[in-house]
Amino acid sequence: MPFIIGRKVEMTQQFKDDGTVVPVTLIKAEPNVVTQIREEARDGYVAVQIGFEPVKSLPMSEAGHLQDLPQVKTLREFRVAQVPANYTRGTEIRVSDFIPGTMVDVVGVSKGRGFAGVLKRHGFKGSKATHGNKDQQRMGGSIGSQRQGKVIKGQRMGGHMGDERVTVKNLEIVSFDADKNLLAVKGAIPGARGGLILVRSHDRKQLWQ
């Protein structure tokens, strides 16, 4: 099962042959190229590095790494238990390599929400609005006992919400458009429009990490 890098386009819907409607997210994934094969003996782990988004020029170090290959600005690695036999340096990966009906994991960066309080960020219930309570309806309440004297690590508080790496597992490949380089995945995926998306196999036997 291949893996690919793309960018989120939008959500839409598609119709199956039996007339049922399926909500899908479109991912635009131009042909990716295998830029390096990581080996256990040399690198300490096994992985496939692929590149995405052609550019006209790169820094000399990056250009040297991609010598004799298309110049791409985005590189990502996918760890595997064993490198597929048909994957060598320079191999192209396209959306047509994905078979409709198979399951994948999708990785993206969630939308940033800025600073958020405990009700929005963690789903706190809030305080009562009556019986002498004033200006405390959306407060977080006590964060530690007097005897303890310190705040426990990981205490849920207000803070920066979103803008985190999120993995949504077990999504179905609905279809692909080889001419437009579009991949349709059932359901919603993390991130805003135009955000970088990684699509990888859900088959745990391949030891994806």
N, C-alpha and C. Protein backbone atom coordinates (compact mmCIF):
# COMPACT_ATOMS: atom_id res chain seq x y z
N MET A 1 0.85 -1.20 0.00
CA MET A 1 0.00 0.00 0.00
C MET A 1 0.88 1.24 0.00
N PRO A 2 0.65 2.18 -0.90
CA PRO A 2 1.53 3.35 -0.99
C PRO A 2 1.19 4.42 0.04
N PHE A 3 1.94 5.49 0.02
CA PHE A 3 1.68 6.66 0.84
C PHE A 3 1.96 7.87 -0.02
N ILE A 4 1.39 9.00 0.35
CA ILE A 4 1.49 10.17 -0.51
C ILE A 4 1.31 11.43 0.31
N ILE A 5 1.87 12.54 -0.20
CA ILE A 5 1.72 13.86 0.41
C ILE A 5 0.84 14.71 -0.50
N GLY A 6 -0.06 15.46 0.10
CA GLY A 6 -0.92 16.33 -0.69
C GLY A 6 -1.36 17.53 0.12
N ARG A 7 -2.32 18.26 -0.45
CA ARG A 7 -2.88 19.42 0.24
C ARG A 7 -4.40 19.34 0.20
N LYS A 8 -5.00 19.72 1.31
CA LYS A 8 -6.45 19.66 1.43
C LYS A 8 -7.09 20.69 0.51
N VAL A 9 -8.13 20.26 -0.22
CA VAL A 9 -8.85 21.15 -1.13
C VAL A 9 -10.13 21.63 -0.48
N GLU A 10 -11.08 20.71 -0.26
CA GLU A 10 -12.36 21.07 0.33
C GLU A 10 -13.14 19.80 0.62
N MET A 11 -14.27 19.97 1.30
CA MET A 11 -15.20 18.86 1.51
C MET A 11 -16.32 18.96 0.47
N THR A 12 -16.78 17.81 0.02
CA THR A 12 -17.89 17.75 -0.93
C THR A 12 -18.60 16.43 -0.72
N GLN A 13 -19.38 16.01 -1.69
CA GLN A 13 -20.07 14.73 -1.59
C GLN A 13 -20.05 14.02 -2.94
N GLN A 14 -20.07 12.70 -2.86
CA GLN A 14 -20.11 11.88 -4.06
C GLN A 14 -21.21 10.84 -3.92
N PHE A 15 -21.70 10.37 -5.07
CA PHE A 15 -22.77 9.38 -5.08
C PHE A 15 -22.20 8.01 -5.46
N LYS A 16 -22.61 6.99 -4.70
CA LYS A 16 -22.24 5.63 -5.05
C LYS A 16 -23.17 5.10 -6.14
N ASP A 17 -22.87 3.91 -6.61
CA ASP A 17 -23.68 3.31 -7.68
C ASP A 17 -25.11 3.05 -7.23
N ASP A 18 -25.29 2.79 -5.92
CA ASP A 18 -26.64 2.51 -5.43
C ASP A 18 -27.41 3.78 -5.07
N GLY A 19 -26.80 4.95 -5.30
CA GLY A 19 -27.49 6.22 -5.06
C GLY A 19 -27.24 6.84 -3.71
N THR A 20 -26.53 6.17 -2.80
CA THR A 20 -26.24 6.74 -1.49
C THR A 20 -25.20 7.84 -1.60
N VAL A 21 -25.34 8.84 -0.73
CA VAL A 21 -24.43 9.99 -0.73
C VAL A 21 -23.31 9.76 0.28
N VAL A 22 -22.09 10.03 -0.12
CA VAL A 22 -20.93 9.85 0.75
C VAL A 22 -20.23 11.20 0.91
N PRO A 23 -20.07 11.70 2.17
CA PRO A 23 -19.29 12.92 2.37
C PRO A 23 -17.80 12.63 2.22
N VAL A 24 -17.12 13.40 1.41
CA VAL A 24 -15.70 13.15 1.15
C VAL A 24 -14.91 14.44 1.28
N THR A 25 -13.63 14.28 1.53
CA THR A 25 -12.68 15.39 1.50
C THR A 25 -11.73 15.16 0.33
N LEU A 26 -11.55 16.18 -0.47
CA LEU A 26 -10.67 16.09 -1.63
C LEU A 26 -9.26 16.51 -1.25
N ILE A 27 -8.30 15.70 -1.65
CA ILE A 27 -6.88 15.98 -1.41
C ILE A 27 -6.19 16.05 -2.76
N LYS A 28 -5.54 17.18 -3.03
CA LYS A 28 -4.80 17.32 -4.29
C LYS A 28 -3.36 16.89 -4.05
N ALA A 29 -2.99 15.81 -4.70
CA ALA A 29 -1.65 15.24 -4.51
C ALA A 29 -0.98 15.10 -5.87
N GLU A 30 -0.12 16.05 -6.19
CA GLU A 30 0.67 15.93 -7.41
C GLU A 30 1.60 14.72 -7.28
N PRO A 31 2.10 14.18 -8.38
CA PRO A 31 2.99 13.01 -8.28
C PRO A 31 4.14 13.25 -7.30
N ASN A 32 4.28 12.36 -6.34
CA ASN A 32 5.38 12.40 -5.38
C ASN A 32 6.55 11.57 -5.92
N VAL A 33 7.74 11.86 -5.44
CA VAL A 33 8.92 11.13 -5.88
C VAL A 33 9.66 10.60 -4.66
N VAL A 34 10.14 9.37 -4.74
CA VAL A 34 10.94 8.78 -3.67
C VAL A 34 12.33 9.39 -3.74
N THR A 35 12.73 10.07 -2.66
CA THR A 35 14.02 10.77 -2.65
C THR A 35 15.12 10.03 -1.90
N GLN A 36 14.73 9.12 -0.99
CA GLN A 36 15.75 8.39 -0.23
C GLN A 36 15.11 7.17 0.43
N ILE A 37 15.91 6.10 0.54
CA ILE A 37 15.49 4.89 1.25
C ILE A 37 16.35 4.76 2.50
N ARG A 38 15.72 4.79 3.66
CA ARG A 38 16.46 4.62 4.92
C ARG A 38 16.62 3.13 5.23
N GLU A 39 17.83 2.74 5.65
CA GLU A 39 18.12 1.34 5.92
C GLU A 39 18.51 1.15 7.37
N GLU A 40 18.19 -0.02 7.89
CA GLU A 40 18.47 -0.33 9.30
C GLU A 40 19.97 -0.29 9.59
N ALA A 41 20.78 -0.88 8.72
CA ALA A 41 22.22 -0.97 8.96
C ALA A 41 22.89 0.40 8.93
N ARG A 42 22.44 1.27 8.05
CA ARG A 42 23.08 2.57 7.88
C ARG A 42 22.46 3.66 8.75
N ASP A 43 21.13 3.68 8.83
CA ASP A 43 20.42 4.77 9.50
C ASP A 43 19.82 4.40 10.84
N GLY A 44 19.75 3.10 11.14
CA GLY A 44 19.17 2.68 12.41
C GLY A 44 17.68 2.44 12.36
N TYR A 45 17.04 2.70 11.23
CA TYR A 45 15.61 2.44 11.07
C TYR A 45 15.31 2.31 9.58
N VAL A 46 14.13 1.79 9.28
CA VAL A 46 13.72 1.59 7.90
C VAL A 46 12.61 2.58 7.58
N ALA A 47 12.77 3.33 6.51
CA ALA A 47 11.76 4.32 6.13
C ALA A 47 11.94 4.68 4.66
N VAL A 48 10.88 5.29 4.12
CA VAL A 48 10.91 5.80 2.75
C VAL A 48 10.68 7.30 2.82
N GLN A 49 11.59 8.07 2.25
CA GLN A 49 11.46 9.53 2.19
C GLN A 49 10.93 9.93 0.82
N ILE A 50 9.86 10.73 0.81
CA ILE A 50 9.28 11.16 -0.46
C ILE A 50 9.20 12.68 -0.50
N GLY A 51 9.17 13.23 -1.71
CA GLY A 51 9.13 14.67 -1.90
C GLY A 51 7.90 15.11 -2.66
N PHE A 52 7.56 16.39 -2.50
CA PHE A 52 6.31 16.93 -3.03
C PHE A 52 6.48 18.41 -3.30
N GLU A 53 5.76 18.93 -4.26
CA GLU A 53 5.72 20.34 -4.64
C GLU A 53 7.02 20.81 -5.31
N PRO A 54 7.09 20.74 -6.64
CA PRO A 54 8.28 21.19 -7.37
C PRO A 54 8.54 22.69 -7.20
N VAL A 55 9.80 23.06 -7.14
CA VAL A 55 10.21 24.46 -7.06
C VAL A 55 11.34 24.69 -8.06
N LYS A 56 11.59 25.98 -8.35
CA LYS A 56 12.61 26.32 -9.33
C LYS A 56 14.02 26.24 -8.76
N SER A 57 14.17 26.63 -7.48
CA SER A 57 15.51 26.64 -6.90
C SER A 57 15.44 26.24 -5.43
N LEU A 58 16.54 25.70 -4.93
CA LEU A 58 16.66 25.26 -3.54
C LEU A 58 18.03 25.65 -3.01
N PRO A 59 18.19 25.70 -1.67
CA PRO A 59 19.53 25.87 -1.11
C PRO A 59 20.46 24.75 -1.59
N MET A 60 21.75 25.01 -1.60
CA MET A 60 22.71 24.07 -2.18
C MET A 60 22.67 22.72 -1.48
N SER A 61 22.49 22.72 -0.15
CA SER A 61 22.47 21.45 0.57
C SER A 61 21.28 20.59 0.15
N GLU A 62 20.12 21.22 -0.01
CA GLU A 62 18.93 20.48 -0.41
C GLU A 62 19.02 20.06 -1.87
N ALA A 63 19.55 20.94 -2.69
CA ALA A 63 19.72 20.60 -4.10
C ALA A 63 20.69 19.43 -4.27
N GLY A 64 21.73 19.37 -3.45
CA GLY A 64 22.65 18.25 -3.51
C GLY A 64 22.01 16.95 -3.07
N HIS A 65 21.13 17.03 -2.07
CA HIS A 65 20.43 15.84 -1.61
C HIS A 65 19.51 15.29 -2.71
N LEU A 66 18.96 16.19 -3.53
CA LEU A 66 18.03 15.79 -4.59
C LEU A 66 18.70 15.75 -5.95
N GLN A 67 20.00 15.52 -5.96
CA GLN A 67 20.73 15.49 -7.23
C GLN A 67 20.14 14.43 -8.16
N ASP A 68 19.96 14.79 -9.44
CA ASP A 68 19.39 13.91 -10.47
C ASP A 68 17.92 13.59 -10.23
N LEU A 69 17.26 14.33 -9.34
CA LEU A 69 15.83 14.14 -9.06
C LEU A 69 15.11 15.48 -9.24
N PRO A 70 13.79 15.47 -9.39
CA PRO A 70 13.06 16.73 -9.43
C PRO A 70 13.26 17.54 -8.16
N GLN A 71 13.40 18.86 -8.28
CA GLN A 71 13.60 19.72 -7.14
C GLN A 71 12.26 19.95 -6.44
N VAL A 72 12.14 19.48 -5.21
CA VAL A 72 10.89 19.61 -4.45
C VAL A 72 11.20 20.27 -3.11
N LYS A 73 10.21 21.00 -2.59
CA LYS A 73 10.46 21.76 -1.36
C LYS A 73 9.95 21.06 -0.11
N THR A 74 9.11 20.05 -0.23
CA THR A 74 8.53 19.38 0.93
C THR A 74 8.98 17.93 0.96
N LEU A 75 9.64 17.53 2.04
CA LEU A 75 10.11 16.16 2.22
C LEU A 75 9.51 15.59 3.50
N ARG A 76 9.04 14.35 3.43
CA ARG A 76 8.52 13.66 4.60
C ARG A 76 8.95 12.19 4.55
N GLU A 77 9.09 11.59 5.75
CA GLU A 77 9.48 10.19 5.84
C GLU A 77 8.32 9.35 6.38
N PHE A 78 8.19 8.14 5.86
CA PHE A 78 7.20 7.18 6.33
C PHE A 78 7.93 5.91 6.75
N ARG A 79 7.86 5.59 8.03
CA ARG A 79 8.54 4.39 8.51
C ARG A 79 7.73 3.15 8.16
N VAL A 80 8.43 2.11 7.76
CA VAL A 80 7.80 0.86 7.39
C VAL A 80 8.62 -0.29 7.97
N ALA A 81 7.99 -1.47 8.04
CA ALA A 81 8.71 -2.65 8.49
C ALA A 81 9.66 -3.13 7.40
N GLN A 82 9.22 -3.00 6.14
CA GLN A 82 10.04 -3.41 5.01
C GLN A 82 9.70 -2.53 3.82
N VAL A 83 10.72 -2.06 3.13
CA VAL A 83 10.51 -1.20 1.98
C VAL A 83 9.93 -2.02 0.83
N PRO A 84 8.84 -1.56 0.20
CA PRO A 84 8.29 -2.29 -0.94
C PRO A 84 9.34 -2.47 -2.05
N ALA A 85 9.26 -3.59 -2.72
CA ALA A 85 10.27 -3.92 -3.73
C ALA A 85 10.27 -2.94 -4.89
N ASN A 86 9.10 -2.37 -5.20
CA ASN A 86 9.02 -1.45 -6.35
C ASN A 86 9.36 -0.01 -5.98
N TYR A 87 9.79 0.23 -4.74
CA TYR A 87 10.15 1.59 -4.32
C TYR A 87 11.67 1.73 -4.32
N THR A 88 12.16 2.53 -5.25
CA THR A 88 13.58 2.86 -5.31
C THR A 88 13.70 4.37 -5.47
N ARG A 89 14.90 4.89 -5.35
CA ARG A 89 15.12 6.33 -5.50
C ARG A 89 14.70 6.77 -6.89
N GLY A 90 13.79 7.75 -6.94
CA GLY A 90 13.29 8.23 -8.21
C GLY A 90 11.92 7.69 -8.60
N THR A 91 11.39 6.72 -7.84
CA THR A 91 10.08 6.16 -8.16
C THR A 91 8.99 7.21 -7.92
N GLU A 92 8.04 7.29 -8.82
CA GLU A 92 6.92 8.22 -8.69
C GLU A 92 5.74 7.53 -8.01
N ILE A 93 5.07 8.28 -7.13
CA ILE A 93 3.88 7.80 -6.45
C ILE A 93 2.72 8.69 -6.87
N ARG A 94 1.65 8.09 -7.36
CA ARG A 94 0.50 8.84 -7.86
C ARG A 94 -0.77 8.43 -7.13
N VAL A 95 -1.82 9.25 -7.29
CA VAL A 95 -3.09 8.94 -6.63
C VAL A 95 -3.70 7.67 -7.19
N SER A 96 -3.35 7.31 -8.41
CA SER A 96 -3.89 6.09 -9.01
C SER A 96 -3.35 4.82 -8.34
N ASP A 97 -2.32 4.96 -7.50
CA ASP A 97 -1.80 3.81 -6.76
C ASP A 97 -2.73 3.40 -5.62
N PHE A 98 -3.67 4.25 -5.26
CA PHE A 98 -4.59 3.95 -4.16
C PHE A 98 -5.85 3.28 -4.71
N ILE A 99 -6.21 2.16 -4.13
CA ILE A 99 -7.35 1.38 -4.60
C ILE A 99 -8.59 1.82 -3.82
N PRO A 100 -9.66 2.25 -4.50
CA PRO A 100 -10.90 2.62 -3.79
C PRO A 100 -11.41 1.47 -2.93
N GLY A 101 -11.84 1.82 -1.73
CA GLY A 101 -12.32 0.82 -0.79
C GLY A 101 -11.32 0.44 0.28
N THR A 102 -10.04 0.77 0.08
CA THR A 102 -9.04 0.46 1.08
C THR A 102 -9.04 1.53 2.18
N MET A 103 -8.46 1.20 3.33
CA MET A 103 -8.48 2.09 4.49
C MET A 103 -7.11 2.75 4.67
N VAL A 104 -7.12 4.00 5.05
CA VAL A 104 -5.89 4.76 5.23
C VAL A 104 -5.97 5.58 6.52
N ASP A 105 -4.81 6.03 6.97
CA ASP A 105 -4.71 7.01 8.06
C ASP A 105 -4.30 8.34 7.45
N VAL A 106 -4.91 9.42 7.91
CA VAL A 106 -4.64 10.76 7.38
C VAL A 106 -4.06 11.62 8.50
N VAL A 107 -2.95 12.28 8.21
CA VAL A 107 -2.26 13.12 9.19
C VAL A 107 -2.28 14.56 8.69
N GLY A 108 -2.66 15.48 9.57
CA GLY A 108 -2.67 16.90 9.23
C GLY A 108 -2.46 17.74 10.47
N VAL A 109 -2.44 19.05 10.28
CA VAL A 109 -2.31 20.00 11.39
C VAL A 109 -3.66 20.69 11.57
N SER A 110 -4.22 20.56 12.76
CA SER A 110 -5.55 21.10 13.02
C SER A 110 -5.56 22.62 12.95
N LYS A 111 -6.74 23.18 12.76
CA LYS A 111 -6.90 24.62 12.68
C LYS A 111 -6.52 25.26 14.02
N GLY A 112 -5.81 26.37 13.99
CA GLY A 112 -5.47 27.10 15.20
C GLY A 112 -6.65 27.92 15.68
N ARG A 113 -6.95 27.85 16.97
CA ARG A 113 -8.07 28.59 17.56
C ARG A 113 -7.63 29.70 18.48
N GLY A 114 -6.33 29.93 18.57
CA GLY A 114 -5.84 30.98 19.45
C GLY A 114 -5.97 30.59 20.91
N PHE A 115 -6.05 31.60 21.80
CA PHE A 115 -6.20 31.33 23.23
C PHE A 115 -7.67 31.01 23.50
N ALA A 116 -7.91 29.89 24.17
CA ALA A 116 -9.28 29.47 24.49
C ALA A 116 -9.37 29.11 25.96
N GLY A 117 -10.53 29.36 26.53
CA GLY A 117 -10.77 29.02 27.93
C GLY A 117 -11.07 27.55 28.12
N VAL A 118 -11.32 27.15 29.38
CA VAL A 118 -11.49 25.73 29.68
C VAL A 118 -12.79 25.18 29.13
N LEU A 119 -13.83 26.02 28.99
CA LEU A 119 -15.09 25.51 28.46
C LEU A 119 -14.95 25.11 26.99
N LYS A 120 -14.33 25.95 26.20
CA LYS A 120 -14.16 25.66 24.79
C LYS A 120 -13.04 24.65 24.54
N ARG A 121 -11.96 24.76 25.31
CA ARG A 121 -10.80 23.93 25.05
C ARG A 121 -10.95 22.51 25.58
N HIS A 122 -11.57 22.38 26.77
CA HIS A 122 -11.67 21.07 27.42
C HIS A 122 -13.10 20.61 27.68
N GLY A 123 -14.09 21.45 27.35
CA GLY A 123 -15.47 21.03 27.53
C GLY A 123 -15.95 21.08 28.96
N PHE A 124 -15.40 21.97 29.79
CA PHE A 124 -15.88 22.09 31.16
C PHE A 124 -17.35 22.52 31.18
N LYS A 125 -18.03 22.14 32.24
CA LYS A 125 -19.45 22.46 32.37
C LYS A 125 -19.69 23.92 32.74
N GLY A 126 -18.82 24.48 33.53
CA GLY A 126 -19.02 25.84 34.02
C GLY A 126 -19.72 25.86 35.36
N SER A 127 -19.81 27.02 35.96
CA SER A 127 -20.40 27.16 37.29
C SER A 127 -21.86 27.59 37.20
N LYS A 128 -22.55 27.55 38.33
CA LYS A 128 -23.94 27.99 38.39
C LYS A 128 -24.03 29.50 38.17
N ALA A 129 -25.16 29.93 37.66
CA ALA A 129 -25.37 31.34 37.38
C ALA A 129 -26.17 32.04 38.47
N THR A 130 -26.53 31.29 39.52
CA THR A 130 -27.34 31.85 40.60
C THR A 130 -26.74 31.50 41.95
N HIS A 131 -27.49 31.81 43.02
CA HIS A 131 -27.11 31.49 44.41
C HIS A 131 -25.77 32.12 44.78
N GLY A 132 -25.68 33.41 44.51
CA GLY A 132 -24.52 34.15 44.97
C GLY A 132 -23.30 34.06 44.08
N ASN A 133 -23.38 33.30 43.00
CA ASN A 133 -22.23 33.19 42.09
C ASN A 133 -22.19 34.40 41.16
N LYS A 134 -21.04 35.02 41.04
CA LYS A 134 -20.92 36.23 40.23
C LYS A 134 -19.62 36.18 39.43
N ASP A 135 -19.74 36.40 38.13
CA ASP A 135 -18.57 36.50 37.23
C ASP A 135 -17.69 35.25 37.26
N GLN A 136 -18.30 34.09 37.56
CA GLN A 136 -17.50 32.86 37.63
C GLN A 136 -18.06 31.75 36.74
N GLN A 137 -19.01 32.10 35.87
CA GLN A 137 -19.70 31.06 35.11
C GLN A 137 -18.77 30.28 34.18
N ARG A 138 -17.74 30.92 33.67
CA ARG A 138 -16.85 30.27 32.71
C ARG A 138 -15.44 30.06 33.26
N MET A 139 -15.31 30.15 34.58
CA MET A 139 -14.00 29.95 35.21
C MET A 139 -13.70 28.46 35.36
N GLY A 140 -12.43 28.15 35.50
CA GLY A 140 -12.01 26.75 35.61
C GLY A 140 -12.14 26.18 37.00
N GLY A 141 -12.30 27.03 38.01
CA GLY A 141 -12.40 26.53 39.38
C GLY A 141 -11.04 26.27 39.99
N SER A 142 -11.02 25.51 41.08
CA SER A 142 -9.77 25.25 41.81
C SER A 142 -8.81 24.43 40.97
N ILE A 143 -7.53 24.74 41.09
CA ILE A 143 -6.51 24.00 40.33
C ILE A 143 -5.59 23.20 41.25
N GLY A 144 -5.85 23.18 42.55
CA GLY A 144 -5.03 22.40 43.47
C GLY A 144 -5.43 22.67 44.90
N SER A 145 -5.13 21.72 45.78
CA SER A 145 -5.50 21.88 47.18
C SER A 145 -4.50 22.79 47.90
N GLN A 146 -4.94 23.32 49.04
CA GLN A 146 -4.06 24.21 49.80
C GLN A 146 -2.88 23.43 50.37
N ARG A 147 -3.12 22.20 50.77
CA ARG A 147 -2.05 21.40 51.37
C ARG A 147 -0.99 21.05 50.32
N GLN A 148 -1.45 20.77 49.13
CA GLN A 148 -0.50 20.36 48.10
C GLN A 148 0.45 21.50 47.74
N GLY A 149 -0.12 22.67 47.52
CA GLY A 149 0.70 23.84 47.31
C GLY A 149 1.27 24.01 45.92
N LYS A 150 0.98 23.12 45.00
CA LYS A 150 1.50 23.27 43.65
C LYS A 150 0.44 22.77 42.66
N VAL A 151 0.64 23.10 41.41
CA VAL A 151 -0.27 22.67 40.36
C VAL A 151 0.29 21.42 39.69
N ILE A 152 -0.52 20.38 39.59
CA ILE A 152 -0.09 19.13 39.00
C ILE A 152 0.18 19.33 37.50
N LYS A 153 1.23 18.70 37.00
CA LYS A 153 1.53 18.77 35.59
C LYS A 153 0.39 18.16 34.78
N GLY A 154 0.04 18.82 33.68
CA GLY A 154 -1.05 18.34 32.85
C GLY A 154 -2.41 18.83 33.27
N GLN A 155 -2.47 19.70 34.28
CA GLN A 155 -3.75 20.25 34.71
C GLN A 155 -4.43 20.98 33.55
N ARG A 156 -5.70 20.69 33.34
CA ARG A 156 -6.42 21.30 32.21
C ARG A 156 -6.75 22.75 32.53
N MET A 157 -6.23 23.63 31.71
CA MET A 157 -6.44 25.06 31.88
C MET A 157 -6.69 25.70 30.52
N GLY A 158 -6.95 27.01 30.55
CA GLY A 158 -7.04 27.74 29.31
C GLY A 158 -5.67 27.86 28.67
N GLY A 159 -5.64 27.99 27.36
CA GLY A 159 -4.37 28.11 26.66
C GLY A 159 -4.54 28.02 25.16
N HIS A 160 -3.43 27.86 24.46
CA HIS A 160 -3.44 27.80 23.00
C HIS A 160 -4.17 26.54 22.55
N MET A 161 -5.19 26.72 21.72
CA MET A 161 -6.00 25.61 21.27
C MET A 161 -5.78 25.37 19.77
N GLY A 162 -5.68 24.11 19.39
CA GLY A 162 -5.51 23.75 17.99
C GLY A 162 -4.07 23.89 17.53
N ASP A 163 -3.87 23.90 16.19
CA ASP A 163 -2.54 24.00 15.59
C ASP A 163 -1.65 22.86 16.07
N GLU A 164 -2.20 21.63 16.08
CA GLU A 164 -1.47 20.46 16.52
C GLU A 164 -1.54 19.36 15.46
N ARG A 165 -0.56 18.50 15.46
CA ARG A 165 -0.55 17.36 14.54
C ARG A 165 -1.63 16.38 14.98
N VAL A 166 -2.53 16.05 14.06
CA VAL A 166 -3.67 15.18 14.35
C VAL A 166 -3.70 14.05 13.33
N THR A 167 -3.93 12.82 13.81
CA THR A 167 -4.06 11.67 12.94
C THR A 167 -5.48 11.13 13.04
N VAL A 168 -6.15 11.02 11.91
CA VAL A 168 -7.48 10.39 11.84
C VAL A 168 -7.30 9.04 11.16
N LYS A 169 -7.70 7.97 11.87
CA LYS A 169 -7.41 6.63 11.40
C LYS A 169 -8.63 5.98 10.74
N ASN A 170 -8.32 5.01 9.89
CA ASN A 170 -9.33 4.12 9.32
C ASN A 170 -10.35 4.87 8.46
N LEU A 171 -9.88 5.69 7.55
CA LEU A 171 -10.74 6.36 6.60
C LEU A 171 -10.70 5.63 5.26
N GLU A 172 -11.80 5.65 4.56
CA GLU A 172 -11.92 4.88 3.32
C GLU A 172 -11.57 5.73 2.10
N ILE A 173 -10.80 5.15 1.19
CA ILE A 173 -10.56 5.78 -0.10
C ILE A 173 -11.81 5.56 -0.97
N VAL A 174 -12.47 6.64 -1.35
CA VAL A 174 -13.71 6.53 -2.12
C VAL A 174 -13.41 6.49 -3.62
N SER A 175 -12.56 7.40 -4.10
CA SER A 175 -12.24 7.43 -5.52
C SER A 175 -10.99 8.28 -5.73
N PHE A 176 -10.52 8.32 -6.97
CA PHE A 176 -9.40 9.19 -7.34
C PHE A 176 -9.62 9.69 -8.75
N ASP A 177 -9.03 10.84 -9.05
CA ASP A 177 -9.06 11.42 -10.38
C ASP A 177 -7.62 11.60 -10.84
N ALA A 178 -7.16 10.70 -11.68
CA ALA A 178 -5.76 10.71 -12.10
C ALA A 178 -5.43 11.94 -12.93
N ASP A 179 -6.40 12.46 -13.69
CA ASP A 179 -6.14 13.62 -14.54
C ASP A 179 -5.94 14.89 -13.72
N LYS A 180 -6.73 15.04 -12.64
CA LYS A 180 -6.64 16.23 -11.79
C LYS A 180 -5.80 15.99 -10.53
N ASN A 181 -5.27 14.78 -10.37
CA ASN A 181 -4.46 14.42 -9.20
C ASN A 181 -5.24 14.64 -7.89
N LEU A 182 -6.49 14.21 -7.87
CA LEU A 182 -7.35 14.35 -6.71
C LEU A 182 -7.63 13.00 -6.09
N LEU A 183 -7.60 12.97 -4.76
CA LEU A 183 -7.91 11.76 -3.99
C LEU A 183 -9.09 12.09 -3.09
N ALA A 184 -10.15 11.29 -3.15
CA ALA A 184 -11.35 11.51 -2.34
C ALA A 184 -11.35 10.53 -1.17
N VAL A 185 -11.35 11.08 0.05
CA VAL A 185 -11.34 10.28 1.27
C VAL A 185 -12.64 10.50 2.01
N LYS A 186 -13.26 9.43 2.47
CA LYS A 186 -14.54 9.53 3.15
C LYS A 186 -14.38 10.23 4.50
N GLY A 187 -15.26 11.20 4.77
CA GLY A 187 -15.26 11.88 6.06
C GLY A 187 -14.40 13.13 6.07
N ALA A 188 -14.25 13.69 7.26
CA ALA A 188 -13.49 14.92 7.46
C ALA A 188 -12.06 14.59 7.87
N ILE A 189 -11.14 15.47 7.47
CA ILE A 189 -9.74 15.33 7.85
C ILE A 189 -9.29 16.63 8.51
N PRO A 190 -8.25 16.58 9.34
CA PRO A 190 -7.84 17.79 10.07
C PRO A 190 -7.19 18.83 9.17
N GLY A 191 -7.28 20.09 9.61
CA GLY A 191 -6.58 21.17 8.92
C GLY A 191 -7.48 22.06 8.10
N ALA A 192 -6.94 23.20 7.74
CA ALA A 192 -7.66 24.16 6.90
C ALA A 192 -7.42 23.84 5.44
N ARG A 193 -8.15 24.51 4.57
CA ARG A 193 -7.94 24.34 3.14
C ARG A 193 -6.52 24.77 2.77
N GLY A 194 -5.88 23.95 1.98
CA GLY A 194 -4.50 24.23 1.60
C GLY A 194 -3.47 23.67 2.56
N GLY A 195 -3.92 23.06 3.65
CA GLY A 195 -2.99 22.50 4.62
C GLY A 195 -2.33 21.23 4.12
N LEU A 196 -1.12 20.97 4.60
CA LEU A 196 -0.36 19.79 4.19
C LEU A 196 -0.98 18.54 4.80
N ILE A 197 -1.17 17.50 3.98
CA ILE A 197 -1.82 16.28 4.41
C ILE A 197 -0.93 15.08 4.05
N LEU A 198 -0.77 14.15 4.98
CA LEU A 198 -0.07 12.90 4.74
C LEU A 198 -1.08 11.77 4.74
N VAL A 199 -1.06 10.96 3.72
CA VAL A 199 -1.95 9.80 3.61
C VAL A 199 -1.08 8.55 3.65
N ARG A 200 -1.40 7.63 4.56
CA ARG A 200 -0.60 6.42 4.70
C ARG A 200 -1.51 5.22 4.96
N SER A 201 -1.00 4.05 4.78
CA SER A 201 -1.80 2.83 4.92
C SER A 201 -2.23 2.63 6.36
N HIS A 202 -3.41 2.04 6.53
CA HIS A 202 -3.90 1.69 7.86
C HIS A 202 -3.49 0.28 8.25
N ASP A 203 -2.83 -0.44 7.37
CA ASP A 203 -2.43 -1.83 7.64
C ASP A 203 -1.34 -1.84 8.69
N ARG A 204 -1.67 -2.25 9.92
CA ARG A 204 -0.68 -2.21 11.01
C ARG A 204 0.42 -3.25 10.83
N LYS A 205 0.20 -4.25 9.98
CA LYS A 205 1.23 -5.25 9.77
C LYS A 205 2.48 -4.64 9.14
N GLN A 206 2.29 -3.50 8.47
CA GLN A 206 3.43 -2.84 7.84
C GLN A 206 4.19 -1.97 8.81
N LEU A 207 3.73 -1.90 10.06
CA LEU A 207 4.42 -1.15 11.13
C LEU A 207 4.62 0.31 10.77
N TRP A 208 3.54 0.98 10.42
CA TRP A 208 3.64 2.43 10.18
C TRP A 208 3.86 3.12 11.52
N GLN A 209 4.67 4.15 11.52
CA GLN A 209 4.97 4.89 12.75
C GLN A 209 4.80 6.39 12.52
